[in-house]
Amino acid sequence: MAGRTRQRGISFFTVIFIMAVLAGVGLIAVQAFPSVIEYQAALKAINKAKEGATVMEVRQIFDRAADIDTISSLKGKDLEIAKDGDQVVVSFAYDKEFHMFGPAWLVLKYRGTSRPGR
């Protein structure tokens, strides 16, 4: 028993496994991050567009904001526009698909509604 020493730490294979998992998560994050930024820009654009008086005006305001913020997944014609009392409510829904490898896909489902306003 005196000749045996107890080893501490993690093995080389454990380090490789952890690095592979982190690389996989990083790959997903790199592909998903731009679409999350686009979603945030779309939310900002519909909150600006709800100030329009007519459906056509709401869509035009959104399309102008989409051109500025380079929103390519959504157009003004894709918006759902409704009235809640005297307020305009603008909403949207769309899916983004990313091919990962082989038969694996990452699907992000985005939904958004304008905030109640002033």
PDB file of N, CA and C in Angstrom:
ATOM      1  N   MET A   1       0.805  -1.188   0.000  1.00  0.00           N
ATOM      2  CA  MET A   1       0.000   0.000   0.000  1.00  0.00           C
ATOM      3  C   MET A   1       0.852   1.257   0.000  1.00  0.00           C
ATOM      4  N   ALA A   2       2.010   1.188   0.567  1.00  0.00           N
ATOM      5  CA  ALA A   2       2.837   2.382   0.642  1.00  0.00           C
ATOM      6  C   ALA A   2       3.339   2.788  -0.737  1.00  0.00           C
ATOM      7  N   GLY A   3       3.439   1.859  -1.701  1.00  0.00           N
ATOM      8  CA  GLY A   3       3.942   2.165  -3.035  1.00  0.00           C
ATOM      9  C   GLY A   3       2.902   2.805  -3.946  1.00  0.00           C
ATOM     10  N   ARG A   4       1.636   2.689  -3.581  1.00  0.00           N
ATOM     11  CA  ARG A   4       0.579   3.259  -4.418  1.00  0.00           C
ATOM     12  C   ARG A   4       0.338   4.718  -4.037  1.00  0.00           C
ATOM     13  N   THR A   5       0.284   5.547  -5.037  1.00  0.00           N
ATOM     14  CA  THR A   5      -0.072   6.946  -4.797  1.00  0.00           C
ATOM     15  C   THR A   5      -1.396   7.216  -5.490  1.00  0.00           C
ATOM     16  N   ARG A   6      -2.114   8.102  -4.926  1.00  0.00           N
ATOM     17  CA  ARG A   6      -3.422   8.432  -5.476  1.00  0.00           C
ATOM     18  C   ARG A   6      -3.271   9.568  -6.485  1.00  0.00           C
ATOM     19  N   GLN A   7      -3.783   9.341  -7.706  1.00  0.00           N
ATOM     20  CA  GLN A   7      -3.692  10.363  -8.741  1.00  0.00           C
ATOM     21  C   GLN A   7      -4.892  11.293  -8.640  1.00  0.00           C
ATOM     22  N   ARG A   8      -4.669  12.557  -8.960  1.00  0.00           N
ATOM     23  CA  ARG A   8      -5.734  13.551  -8.915  1.00  0.00           C
ATOM     24  C   ARG A   8      -5.823  14.241 -10.256  1.00  0.00           C
ATOM     25  N   GLY A   9      -6.996  14.805 -10.534  1.00  0.00           N
ATOM     26  CA  GLY A   9      -7.181  15.534 -11.778  1.00  0.00           C
ATOM     27  C   GLY A   9      -8.047  14.747 -12.754  1.00  0.00           C
ATOM     28  N   ILE A  10      -8.129  15.286 -13.966  1.00  0.00           N
ATOM     29  CA  ILE A  10      -8.937  14.629 -14.982  1.00  0.00           C
ATOM     30  C   ILE A  10      -8.020  14.041 -16.044  1.00  0.00           C
ATOM     31  N   SER A  11      -8.540  13.056 -16.738  1.00  0.00           N
ATOM     32  CA  SER A  11      -7.718  12.389 -17.743  1.00  0.00           C
ATOM     33  C   SER A  11      -7.716  13.180 -19.052  1.00  0.00           C
ATOM     34  N   PHE A  12      -6.812  12.839 -19.908  1.00  0.00           N
ATOM     35  CA  PHE A  12      -6.691  13.470 -21.219  1.00  0.00           C
ATOM     36  C   PHE A  12      -7.967  13.264 -22.032  1.00  0.00           C
ATOM     37  N   PHE A  13      -8.546  12.071 -21.952  1.00  0.00           N
ATOM     38  CA  PHE A  13      -9.772  11.788 -22.702  1.00  0.00           C
ATOM     39  C   PHE A  13     -10.949  12.608 -22.196  1.00  0.00           C
ATOM     40  N   THR A  14     -10.988  12.884 -20.922  1.00  0.00           N
ATOM     41  CA  THR A  14     -12.039  13.733 -20.373  1.00  0.00           C
ATOM     42  C   THR A  14     -11.892  15.160 -20.893  1.00  0.00           C
ATOM     43  N   VAL A  15     -10.686  15.648 -20.979  1.00  0.00           N
ATOM     44  CA  VAL A  15     -10.443  16.990 -21.518  1.00  0.00           C
ATOM     45  C   VAL A  15     -10.884  17.051 -22.978  1.00  0.00           C
ATOM     46  N   ILE A  16     -10.545  16.036 -23.768  1.00  0.00           N
ATOM     47  CA  ILE A  16     -10.943  15.993 -25.169  1.00  0.00           C
ATOM     48  C   ILE A  16     -12.468  15.959 -25.283  1.00  0.00           C
ATOM     49  N   PHE A  17     -13.134  15.158 -24.444  1.00  0.00           N
ATOM     50  CA  PHE A  17     -14.596  15.074 -24.466  1.00  0.00           C
ATOM     51  C   PHE A  17     -15.226  16.427 -24.141  1.00  0.00           C
ATOM     52  N   ILE A  18     -14.728  17.101 -23.117  1.00  0.00           N
ATOM     53  CA  ILE A  18     -15.259  18.411 -22.731  1.00  0.00           C
ATOM     54  C   ILE A  18     -15.052  19.417 -23.857  1.00  0.00           C
ATOM     55  N   MET A  19     -13.899  19.387 -24.494  1.00  0.00           N
ATOM     56  CA  MET A  19     -13.637  20.306 -25.608  1.00  0.00           C
ATOM     57  C   MET A  19     -14.568  20.019 -26.786  1.00  0.00           C
ATOM     58  N   ALA A  20     -14.868  18.755 -27.061  1.00  0.00           N
ATOM     59  CA  ALA A  20     -15.781  18.404 -28.157  1.00  0.00           C
ATOM     60  C   ALA A  20     -17.199  18.896 -27.870  1.00  0.00           C
ATOM     61  N   VAL A  21     -17.643  18.751 -26.629  1.00  0.00           N
ATOM     62  CA  VAL A  21     -18.978  19.239 -26.256  1.00  0.00           C
ATOM     63  C   VAL A  21     -19.036  20.760 -26.379  1.00  0.00           C
ATOM     64  N   LEU A  22     -18.019  21.447 -25.891  1.00  0.00           N
ATOM     65  CA  LEU A  22     -17.975  22.906 -25.999  1.00  0.00           C
ATOM     66  C   LEU A  22     -17.930  23.360 -27.454  1.00  0.00           C
ATOM     67  N   ALA A  23     -17.215  22.627 -28.299  1.00  0.00           N
ATOM     68  CA  ALA A  23     -17.168  22.965 -29.730  1.00  0.00           C
ATOM     69  C   ALA A  23     -18.542  22.796 -30.366  1.00  0.00           C
ATOM     70  N   GLY A  24     -19.271  21.749 -29.996  1.00  0.00           N
ATOM     71  CA  GLY A  24     -20.629  21.545 -30.513  1.00  0.00           C
ATOM     72  C   GLY A  24     -21.577  22.651 -30.095  1.00  0.00           C
ATOM     73  N   VAL A  25     -21.518  23.025 -28.838  1.00  0.00           N
ATOM     74  CA  VAL A  25     -22.354  24.125 -28.342  1.00  0.00           C
ATOM     75  C   VAL A  25     -21.963  25.431 -29.028  1.00  0.00           C
ATOM     76  N   GLY A  26     -20.672  25.639 -29.225  1.00  0.00           N
ATOM     77  CA  GLY A  26     -20.208  26.840 -29.921  1.00  0.00           C
ATOM     78  C   GLY A  26     -20.688  26.893 -31.359  1.00  0.00           C
ATOM     79  N   LEU A  27     -20.714  25.762 -32.042  1.00  0.00           N
ATOM     80  CA  LEU A  27     -21.204  25.704 -33.421  1.00  0.00           C
ATOM     81  C   LEU A  27     -22.664  26.108 -33.490  1.00  0.00           C
ATOM     82  N   ILE A  28     -23.462  25.605 -32.568  1.00  0.00           N
ATOM     83  CA  ILE A  28     -24.877  25.971 -32.524  1.00  0.00           C
ATOM     84  C   ILE A  28     -25.036  27.458 -32.233  1.00  0.00           C
ATOM     85  N   ALA A  29     -24.270  27.968 -31.283  1.00  0.00           N
ATOM     86  CA  ALA A  29     -24.370  29.383 -30.913  1.00  0.00           C
ATOM     87  C   ALA A  29     -23.966  30.294 -32.067  1.00  0.00           C
ATOM     88  N   VAL A  30     -22.933  29.924 -32.805  1.00  0.00           N
ATOM     89  CA  VAL A  30     -22.477  30.750 -33.926  1.00  0.00           C
ATOM     90  C   VAL A  30     -23.549  30.820 -35.006  1.00  0.00           C
ATOM     91  N   GLN A  31     -24.276  29.732 -35.232  1.00  0.00           N
ATOM     92  CA  GLN A  31     -25.317  29.750 -36.250  1.00  0.00           C
ATOM     93  C   GLN A  31     -26.582  30.445 -35.762  1.00  0.00           C
ATOM     94  N   ALA A  32     -26.922  30.331 -34.492  1.00  0.00           N
ATOM     95  CA  ALA A  32     -28.167  30.877 -33.973  1.00  0.00           C
ATOM     96  C   ALA A  32     -28.070  32.359 -33.615  1.00  0.00           C
ATOM     97  N   PHE A  33     -26.916  32.842 -33.233  1.00  0.00           N
ATOM     98  CA  PHE A  33     -26.780  34.215 -32.743  1.00  0.00           C
ATOM     99  C   PHE A  33     -27.257  35.277 -33.741  1.00  0.00           C
ATOM    100  N   PRO A  34     -26.892  35.215 -35.024  1.00  0.00           N
ATOM    101  CA  PRO A  34     -27.387  36.239 -35.952  1.00  0.00           C
ATOM    102  C   PRO A  34     -28.910  36.249 -36.092  1.00  0.00           C
ATOM    103  N   SER A  35     -29.546  35.079 -36.005  1.00  0.00           N
ATOM    104  CA  SER A  35     -31.005  35.054 -36.123  1.00  0.00           C
ATOM    105  C   SER A  35     -31.668  35.625 -34.872  1.00  0.00           C
ATOM    106  N   VAL A  36     -31.039  35.483 -33.715  1.00  0.00           N
ATOM    107  CA  VAL A  36     -31.573  36.085 -32.493  1.00  0.00           C
ATOM    108  C   VAL A  36     -31.475  37.610 -32.573  1.00  0.00           C
ATOM    109  N   ILE A  37     -30.376  38.106 -33.114  1.00  0.00           N
ATOM    110  CA  ILE A  37     -30.223  39.553 -33.305  1.00  0.00           C
ATOM    111  C   ILE A  37     -31.277  40.068 -34.282  1.00  0.00           C
ATOM    112  N   GLU A  38     -31.539  39.308 -35.356  1.00  0.00           N
ATOM    113  CA  GLU A  38     -32.566  39.694 -36.327  1.00  0.00           C
ATOM    114  C   GLU A  38     -33.947  39.705 -35.673  1.00  0.00           C
ATOM    115  N   TYR A  39     -34.222  38.741 -34.814  1.00  0.00           N
ATOM    116  CA  TYR A  39     -35.499  38.698 -34.088  1.00  0.00           C
ATOM    117  C   TYR A  39     -35.666  39.939 -33.211  1.00  0.00           C
ATOM    118  N   GLN A  40     -34.617  40.327 -32.512  1.00  0.00           N
ATOM    119  CA  GLN A  40     -34.688  41.531 -31.672  1.00  0.00           C
ATOM    120  C   GLN A  40     -34.955  42.774 -32.524  1.00  0.00           C
ATOM    121  N   ALA A  41     -34.328  42.841 -33.702  1.00  0.00           N
ATOM    122  CA  ALA A  41     -34.567  43.965 -34.617  1.00  0.00           C
ATOM    123  C   ALA A  41     -36.005  43.955 -35.122  1.00  0.00           C
ATOM    124  N   ALA A  42     -36.570  42.770 -35.371  1.00  0.00           N
ATOM    125  CA  ALA A  42     -37.960  42.667 -35.828  1.00  0.00           C
ATOM    126  C   ALA A  42     -38.923  43.138 -34.740  1.00  0.00           C
ATOM    127  N   LEU A  43     -38.647  42.794 -33.490  1.00  0.00           N
ATOM    128  CA  LEU A  43     -39.481  43.281 -32.388  1.00  0.00           C
ATOM    129  C   LEU A  43     -39.448  44.807 -32.311  1.00  0.00           C
ATOM    130  N   LYS A  44     -38.265  45.366 -32.457  1.00  0.00           N
ATOM    131  CA  LYS A  44     -38.129  46.820 -32.432  1.00  0.00           C
ATOM    132  C   LYS A  44     -38.892  47.452 -33.599  1.00  0.00           C
ATOM    133  N   ALA A  45     -38.835  46.807 -34.759  1.00  0.00           N
ATOM    134  CA  ALA A  45     -39.498  47.343 -35.951  1.00  0.00           C
ATOM    135  C   ALA A  45     -41.018  47.287 -35.826  1.00  0.00           C
ATOM    136  N   ILE A  46     -41.578  46.210 -35.238  1.00  0.00           N
ATOM    137  CA  ILE A  46     -43.042  46.174 -35.121  1.00  0.00           C
ATOM    138  C   ILE A  46     -43.539  47.150 -34.065  1.00  0.00           C
ATOM    139  N   ASN A  47     -42.709  47.411 -33.056  1.00  0.00           N
ATOM    140  CA  ASN A  47     -43.114  48.416 -32.069  1.00  0.00           C
ATOM    141  C   ASN A  47     -43.099  49.820 -32.663  1.00  0.00           C
ATOM    142  N   LYS A  48     -42.240  50.030 -33.642  1.00  0.00           N
ATOM    143  CA  LYS A  48     -42.237  51.302 -34.353  1.00  0.00           C
ATOM    144  C   LYS A  48     -43.394  51.346 -35.348  1.00  0.00           C
ATOM    145  N   ALA A  49     -43.676  50.222 -36.008  1.00  0.00           N
ATOM    146  CA  ALA A  49     -44.696  50.167 -37.057  1.00  0.00           C
ATOM    147  C   ALA A  49     -46.110  50.301 -36.507  1.00  0.00           C
ATOM    148  N   LYS A  50     -46.342  49.942 -35.265  1.00  0.00           N
ATOM    149  CA  LYS A  50     -47.700  50.006 -34.715  1.00  0.00           C
ATOM    150  C   LYS A  50     -48.224  51.432 -34.632  1.00  0.00           C
ATOM    151  N   GLU A  51     -47.357  52.405 -34.846  1.00  0.00           N
ATOM    152  CA  GLU A  51     -47.780  53.800 -34.817  1.00  0.00           C
ATOM    153  C   GLU A  51     -48.503  54.206 -36.094  1.00  0.00           C
ATOM    154  N   GLY A  52     -48.496  53.346 -37.112  1.00  0.00           N
ATOM    155  CA  GLY A  52     -49.195  53.645 -38.356  1.00  0.00           C
ATOM    156  C   GLY A  52     -50.707  53.643 -38.158  1.00  0.00           C
ATOM    157  N   ALA A  53     -51.398  54.431 -38.987  1.00  0.00           N
ATOM    158  CA  ALA A  53     -52.847  54.562 -38.848  1.00  0.00           C
ATOM    159  C   ALA A  53     -53.601  53.491 -39.639  1.00  0.00           C
ATOM    160  N   THR A  54     -53.030  53.066 -40.757  1.00  0.00           N
ATOM    161  CA  THR A  54     -53.695  52.062 -41.592  1.00  0.00           C
ATOM    162  C   THR A  54     -52.809  50.820 -41.695  1.00  0.00           C
ATOM    163  N   VAL A  55     -53.402  49.743 -42.193  1.00  0.00           N
ATOM    164  CA  VAL A  55     -52.643  48.500 -42.373  1.00  0.00           C
ATOM    165  C   VAL A  55     -51.496  48.732 -43.347  1.00  0.00           C
ATOM    166  N   MET A  56     -51.765  49.422 -44.440  1.00  0.00           N
ATOM    167  CA  MET A  56     -50.732  49.700 -45.445  1.00  0.00           C
ATOM    168  C   MET A  56     -49.594  50.528 -44.841  1.00  0.00           C
ATOM    169  N   GLU A  57     -49.942  51.505 -44.038  1.00  0.00           N
ATOM    170  CA  GLU A  57     -48.922  52.350 -43.414  1.00  0.00           C
ATOM    171  C   GLU A  57     -48.078  51.559 -42.414  1.00  0.00           C
ATOM    172  N   VAL A  58     -48.713  50.681 -41.640  1.00  0.00           N
ATOM    173  CA  VAL A  58     -47.975  49.835 -40.688  1.00  0.00           C
ATOM    174  C   VAL A  58     -46.960  48.983 -41.445  1.00  0.00           C
ATOM    175  N   ARG A  59     -47.390  48.382 -42.547  1.00  0.00           N
ATOM    176  CA  ARG A  59     -46.492  47.535 -43.335  1.00  0.00           C
ATOM    177  C   ARG A  59     -45.355  48.340 -43.952  1.00  0.00           C
ATOM    178  N   GLN A  60     -45.644  49.548 -44.421  1.00  0.00           N
ATOM    179  CA  GLN A  60     -44.590  50.389 -44.999  1.00  0.00           C
ATOM    180  C   GLN A  60     -43.571  50.806 -43.943  1.00  0.00           C
ATOM    181  N   ILE A  61     -44.037  51.169 -42.767  1.00  0.00           N
ATOM    182  CA  ILE A  61     -43.119  51.547 -41.687  1.00  0.00           C
ATOM    183  C   ILE A  61     -42.229  50.364 -41.328  1.00  0.00           C
ATOM    184  N   PHE A  62     -42.844  49.170 -41.237  1.00  0.00           N
ATOM    185  CA  PHE A  62     -42.053  47.978 -40.929  1.00  0.00           C
ATOM    186  C   PHE A  62     -41.026  47.708 -42.022  1.00  0.00           C
ATOM    187  N   ASP A  63     -41.423  47.790 -43.290  1.00  0.00           N
ATOM    188  CA  ASP A  63     -40.500  47.508 -44.390  1.00  0.00           C
ATOM    189  C   ASP A  63     -39.322  48.490 -44.403  1.00  0.00           C
ATOM    190  N   ARG A  64     -39.579  49.757 -44.091  1.00  0.00           N
ATOM    191  CA  ARG A  64     -38.472  50.731 -44.003  1.00  0.00           C
ATOM    192  C   ARG A  64     -37.515  50.369 -42.874  1.00  0.00           C
ATOM    193  N   ALA A  65     -38.069  50.007 -41.720  1.00  0.00           N
ATOM    194  CA  ALA A  65     -37.219  49.604 -40.595  1.00  0.00           C
ATOM    195  C   ALA A  65     -36.478  48.307 -40.913  1.00  0.00           C
ATOM    196  N   ALA A  66     -37.117  47.394 -41.633  1.00  0.00           N
ATOM    197  CA  ALA A  66     -36.477  46.131 -42.009  1.00  0.00           C
ATOM    198  C   ALA A  66     -35.321  46.371 -42.968  1.00  0.00           C
ATOM    199  N   ASP A  67     -35.460  47.343 -43.862  1.00  0.00           N
ATOM    200  CA  ASP A  67     -34.351  47.678 -44.765  1.00  0.00           C
ATOM    201  C   ASP A  67     -33.166  48.245 -43.993  1.00  0.00           C
ATOM    202  N   ILE A  68     -33.438  49.057 -43.009  1.00  0.00           N
ATOM    203  CA  ILE A  68     -32.359  49.671 -42.223  1.00  0.00           C
ATOM    204  C   ILE A  68     -31.647  48.618 -41.373  1.00  0.00           C
ATOM    205  N   ASP A  69     -32.418  47.748 -40.727  1.00  0.00           N
ATOM    206  CA  ASP A  69     -31.842  46.756 -39.815  1.00  0.00           C
ATOM    207  C   ASP A  69     -31.523  45.420 -40.478  1.00  0.00           C
ATOM    208  N   THR A  70     -31.642  45.355 -41.794  1.00  0.00           N
ATOM    209  CA  THR A  70     -31.400  44.139 -42.594  1.00  0.00           C
ATOM    210  C   THR A  70     -32.138  42.916 -42.037  1.00  0.00           C
ATOM    211  N   ILE A  71     -33.444  43.060 -41.925  1.00  0.00           N
ATOM    212  CA  ILE A  71     -34.312  41.950 -41.527  1.00  0.00           C
ATOM    213  C   ILE A  71     -34.738  41.258 -42.807  1.00  0.00           C
ATOM    214  N   SER A  72     -34.261  40.043 -43.029  1.00  0.00           N
ATOM    215  CA  SER A  72     -34.569  39.342 -44.279  1.00  0.00           C
ATOM    216  C   SER A  72     -35.582  38.214 -44.096  1.00  0.00           C
ATOM    217  N   SER A  73     -35.850  37.797 -42.891  1.00  0.00           N
ATOM    218  CA  SER A  73     -36.753  36.669 -42.645  1.00  0.00           C
ATOM    219  C   SER A  73     -38.217  37.069 -42.627  1.00  0.00           C
ATOM    220  N   LEU A  74     -38.492  38.348 -42.622  1.00  0.00           N
ATOM    221  CA  LEU A  74     -39.847  38.833 -42.411  1.00  0.00           C
ATOM    222  C   LEU A  74     -40.074  40.067 -43.265  1.00  0.00           C
ATOM    223  N   LYS A  75     -41.220  40.144 -43.890  1.00  0.00           N
ATOM    224  CA  LYS A  75     -41.613  41.305 -44.694  1.00  0.00           C
ATOM    225  C   LYS A  75     -42.896  41.884 -44.114  1.00  0.00           C
ATOM    226  N   GLY A  76     -43.233  43.081 -44.530  1.00  0.00           N
ATOM    227  CA  GLY A  76     -44.454  43.727 -44.057  1.00  0.00           C
ATOM    228  C   GLY A  76     -45.704  42.928 -44.351  1.00  0.00           C
ATOM    229  N   LYS A  77     -45.718  42.220 -45.483  1.00  0.00           N
ATOM    230  CA  LYS A  77     -46.900  41.421 -45.846  1.00  0.00           C
ATOM    231  C   LYS A  77     -47.086  40.214 -44.925  1.00  0.00           C
ATOM    232  N   ASP A  78     -46.043  39.822 -44.171  1.00  0.00           N
ATOM    233  CA  ASP A  78     -46.120  38.679 -43.257  1.00  0.00           C
ATOM    234  C   ASP A  78     -46.679  39.049 -41.880  1.00  0.00           C
ATOM    235  N   LEU A  79     -46.853  40.335 -41.627  1.00  0.00           N
ATOM    236  CA  LEU A  79     -47.320  40.784 -40.314  1.00  0.00           C
ATOM    237  C   LEU A  79     -48.807  40.551 -40.140  1.00  0.00           C
ATOM    238  N   GLU A  80     -49.204  40.247 -38.925  1.00  0.00           N
ATOM    239  CA  GLU A  80     -50.616  40.174 -38.568  1.00  0.00           C
ATOM    240  C   GLU A  80     -50.943  41.462 -37.820  1.00  0.00           C
ATOM    241  N   ILE A  81     -51.899  42.197 -38.355  1.00  0.00           N
ATOM    242  CA  ILE A  81     -52.233  43.513 -37.790  1.00  0.00           C
ATOM    243  C   ILE A  81     -53.683  43.480 -37.333  1.00  0.00           C
ATOM    244  N   ALA A  82     -53.910  43.870 -36.092  1.00  0.00           N
ATOM    245  CA  ALA A  82     -55.258  43.873 -35.523  1.00  0.00           C
ATOM    246  C   ALA A  82     -55.422  45.116 -34.654  1.00  0.00           C
ATOM    247  N   LYS A  83     -56.657  45.384 -34.262  1.00  0.00           N
ATOM    248  CA  LYS A  83     -56.941  46.489 -33.358  1.00  0.00           C
ATOM    249  C   LYS A  83     -57.445  45.925 -32.045  1.00  0.00           C
ATOM    250  N   ASP A  84     -56.956  46.487 -30.957  1.00  0.00           N
ATOM    251  CA  ASP A  84     -57.424  46.144 -29.631  1.00  0.00           C
ATOM    252  C   ASP A  84     -57.905  47.443 -28.995  1.00  0.00           C
ATOM    253  N   GLY A  85     -59.195  47.687 -29.103  1.00  0.00           N
ATOM    254  CA  GLY A  85     -59.731  48.975 -28.672  1.00  0.00           C
ATOM    255  C   GLY A  85     -59.291  50.039 -29.655  1.00  0.00           C
ATOM    256  N   ASP A  86     -58.560  51.019 -29.165  1.00  0.00           N
ATOM    257  CA  ASP A  86     -58.052  52.067 -30.051  1.00  0.00           C
ATOM    258  C   ASP A  86     -56.573  51.870 -30.390  1.00  0.00           C
ATOM    259  N   GLN A  87     -55.994  50.732 -30.004  1.00  0.00           N
ATOM    260  CA  GLN A  87     -54.576  50.486 -30.236  1.00  0.00           C
ATOM    261  C   GLN A  87     -54.361  49.466 -31.352  1.00  0.00           C
ATOM    262  N   VAL A  88     -53.318  49.681 -32.123  1.00  0.00           N
ATOM    263  CA  VAL A  88     -52.930  48.740 -33.169  1.00  0.00           C
ATOM    264  C   VAL A  88     -51.995  47.707 -32.546  1.00  0.00           C
ATOM    265  N   VAL A  89     -52.272  46.437 -32.799  1.00  0.00           N
ATOM    266  CA  VAL A  89     -51.442  45.343 -32.307  1.00  0.00           C
ATOM    267  C   VAL A  89     -50.839  44.647 -33.519  1.00  0.00           C
ATOM    268  N   VAL A  90     -49.519  44.592 -33.566  1.00  0.00           N
ATOM    269  CA  VAL A  90     -48.804  43.968 -34.673  1.00  0.00           C
ATOM    270  C   VAL A  90     -48.098  42.730 -34.133  1.00  0.00           C
ATOM    271  N   SER A  91     -48.229  41.620 -34.861  1.00  0.00           N
ATOM    272  CA  SER A  91     -47.554  40.393 -34.429  1.00  0.00           C
ATOM    273  C   SER A  91     -46.996  39.659 -35.640  1.00  0.00           C
ATOM    274  N   PHE A  92     -46.089  38.737 -35.359  1.00  0.00           N
ATOM    275  CA  PHE A  92     -45.482  37.934 -36.409  1.00  0.00           C
ATOM    276  C   PHE A  92     -45.080  36.587 -35.847  1.00  0.00           C
ATOM    277  N   ALA A  93     -44.854  35.641 -36.749  1.00  0.00           N
ATOM    278  CA  ALA A  93     -44.370  34.314 -36.378  1.00  0.00           C
ATOM    279  C   ALA A  93     -43.623  33.746 -37.577  1.00  0.00           C
ATOM    280  N   TYR A  94     -42.447  33.211 -37.321  1.00  0.00           N
ATOM    281  CA  TYR A  94     -41.688  32.562 -38.386  1.00  0.00           C
ATOM    282  C   TYR A  94     -40.711  31.569 -37.782  1.00  0.00           C
ATOM    283  N   ASP A  95     -40.237  30.659 -38.623  1.00  0.00           N
ATOM    284  CA  ASP A  95     -39.282  29.637 -38.213  1.00  0.00           C
ATOM    285  C   ASP A  95     -37.982  29.828 -38.978  1.00  0.00           C
ATOM    286  N   LYS A  96     -36.881  29.553 -38.334  1.00  0.00           N
ATOM    287  CA  LYS A  96     -35.554  29.560 -38.965  1.00  0.00           C
ATOM    288  C   LYS A  96     -34.977  28.163 -38.822  1.00  0.00           C
ATOM    289  N   GLU A  97     -34.481  27.611 -39.925  1.00  0.00           N
ATOM    290  CA  GLU A  97     -33.876  26.277 -39.907  1.00  0.00           C
ATOM    291  C   GLU A  97     -32.403  26.377 -40.273  1.00  0.00           C
ATOM    292  N   PHE A  98     -31.583  25.634 -39.531  1.00  0.00           N
ATOM    293  CA  PHE A  98     -30.150  25.577 -39.806  1.00  0.00           C
ATOM    294  C   PHE A  98     -29.747  24.119 -39.932  1.00  0.00           C
ATOM    295  N   HIS A  99     -29.083  23.784 -41.026  1.00  0.00           N
ATOM    296  CA  HIS A  99     -28.600  22.420 -41.211  1.00  0.00           C
ATOM    297  C   HIS A  99     -27.343  22.245 -40.378  1.00  0.00           C
ATOM    298  N   MET A 100     -27.339  21.247 -39.524  1.00  0.00           N
ATOM    299  CA  MET A 100     -26.181  21.018 -38.665  1.00  0.00           C
ATOM    300  C   MET A 100     -25.238  20.011 -39.331  1.00  0.00           C
ATOM    301  N   PHE A 101     -25.672  18.767 -39.469  1.00  0.00           N
ATOM    302  CA  PHE A 101     -24.878  17.720 -40.106  1.00  0.00           C
ATOM    303  C   PHE A 101     -25.806  16.551 -40.399  1.00  0.00           C
ATOM    304  N   GLY A 102     -25.566  15.838 -41.465  1.00  0.00           N
ATOM    305  CA  GLY A 102     -26.374  14.672 -41.809  1.00  0.00           C
ATOM    306  C   GLY A 102     -27.851  15.009 -41.782  1.00  0.00           C
ATOM    307  N   PRO A 103     -28.642  14.242 -41.056  1.00  0.00           N
ATOM    308  CA  PRO A 103     -30.080  14.515 -40.983  1.00  0.00           C
ATOM    309  C   PRO A 103     -30.469  15.489 -39.860  1.00  0.00           C
ATOM    310  N   ALA A 104     -29.494  16.076 -39.187  1.00  0.00           N
ATOM    311  CA  ALA A 104     -29.775  16.936 -38.030  1.00  0.00           C
ATOM    312  C   ALA A 104     -29.969  18.388 -38.453  1.00  0.00           C
ATOM    313  N   TRP A 105     -31.068  18.974 -37.968  1.00  0.00           N
ATOM    314  CA  TRP A 105     -31.387  20.375 -38.222  1.00  0.00           C
ATOM    315  C   TRP A 105     -31.672  21.057 -36.894  1.00  0.00           C
ATOM    316  N   LEU A 106     -31.353  22.336 -36.829  1.00  0.00           N
ATOM    317  CA  LEU A 106     -31.716  23.164 -35.684  1.00  0.00           C
ATOM    318  C   LEU A 106     -32.858  24.059 -36.149  1.00  0.00           C
ATOM    319  N   VAL A 107     -33.998  23.998 -35.477  1.00  0.00           N
ATOM    320  CA  VAL A 107     -35.158  24.804 -35.845  1.00  0.00           C
ATOM    321  C   VAL A 107     -35.451  25.762 -34.700  1.00  0.00           C
ATOM    322  N   LEU A 108     -35.460  27.055 -35.015  1.00  0.00           N
ATOM    323  CA  LEU A 108     -35.798  28.087 -34.036  1.00  0.00           C
ATOM    324  C   LEU A 108     -37.135  28.695 -34.448  1.00  0.00           C
ATOM    325  N   LYS A 109     -38.083  28.717 -33.533  1.00  0.00           N
ATOM    326  CA  LYS A 109     -39.405  29.270 -33.807  1.00  0.00           C
ATOM    327  C   LYS A 109     -39.511  30.621 -33.111  1.00  0.00           C
ATOM    328  N   TYR A 110     -39.747  31.647 -33.902  1.00  0.00           N
ATOM    329  CA  TYR A 110     -39.838  33.000 -33.368  1.00  0.00           C
ATOM    330  C   TYR A 110     -41.279  33.489 -33.429  1.00  0.00           C
ATOM    331  N   ARG A 111     -41.729  34.105 -32.349  1.00  0.00           N
ATOM    332  CA  ARG A 111     -43.045  34.713 -32.264  1.00  0.00           C
ATOM    333  C   ARG A 111     -42.866  36.059 -31.573  1.00  0.00           C
ATOM    334  N   GLY A 112     -43.596  37.052 -32.047  1.00  0.00           N
ATOM    335  CA  GLY A 112     -43.489  38.364 -31.405  1.00  0.00           C
ATOM    336  C   GLY A 112     -44.762  39.167 -31.552  1.00  0.00           C
ATOM    337  N   THR A 113     -45.053  39.986 -30.563  1.00  0.00           N
ATOM    338  CA  THR A 113     -46.223  40.880 -30.558  1.00  0.00           C
ATOM    339  C   THR A 113     -45.766  42.234 -30.045  1.00  0.00           C
ATOM    340  N   SER A 114     -46.329  43.270 -30.638  1.00  0.00           N
ATOM    341  CA  SER A 114     -45.959  44.619 -30.201  1.00  0.00           C
ATOM    342  C   SER A 114     -46.424  44.849 -28.768  1.00  0.00           C
ATOM    343  N   ARG A 115     -45.665  45.660 -28.076  1.00  0.00           N
ATOM    344  CA  ARG A 115     -46.002  45.993 -26.690  1.00  0.00           C
ATOM    345  C   ARG A 115     -47.157  46.991 -26.675  1.00  0.00           C
ATOM    346  N   PRO A 116     -47.994  46.931 -25.647  1.00  0.00           N
ATOM    347  CA  PRO A 116     -49.037  47.957 -25.519  1.00  0.00           C
ATOM    348  C   PRO A 116     -48.365  49.318 -25.397  1.00  0.00           C
ATOM    349  N   GLY A 117     -48.890  50.265 -26.118  1.00  0.00           N
ATOM    350  CA  GLY A 117     -48.177  51.548 -26.191  1.00  0.00           C
ATOM    351  C   GLY A 117     -48.910  52.690 -25.566  1.00  0.00           C
ATOM    352  N   ARG A 118     -48.324  53.788 -25.844  1.00  0.00           N
ATOM    353  CA  ARG A 118     -48.773  55.058 -25.288  1.00  0.00           C
ATOM    354  C   ARG A 118     -50.091  55.482 -25.852  1.00  0.00           C
TER     355      ARG A 118
END
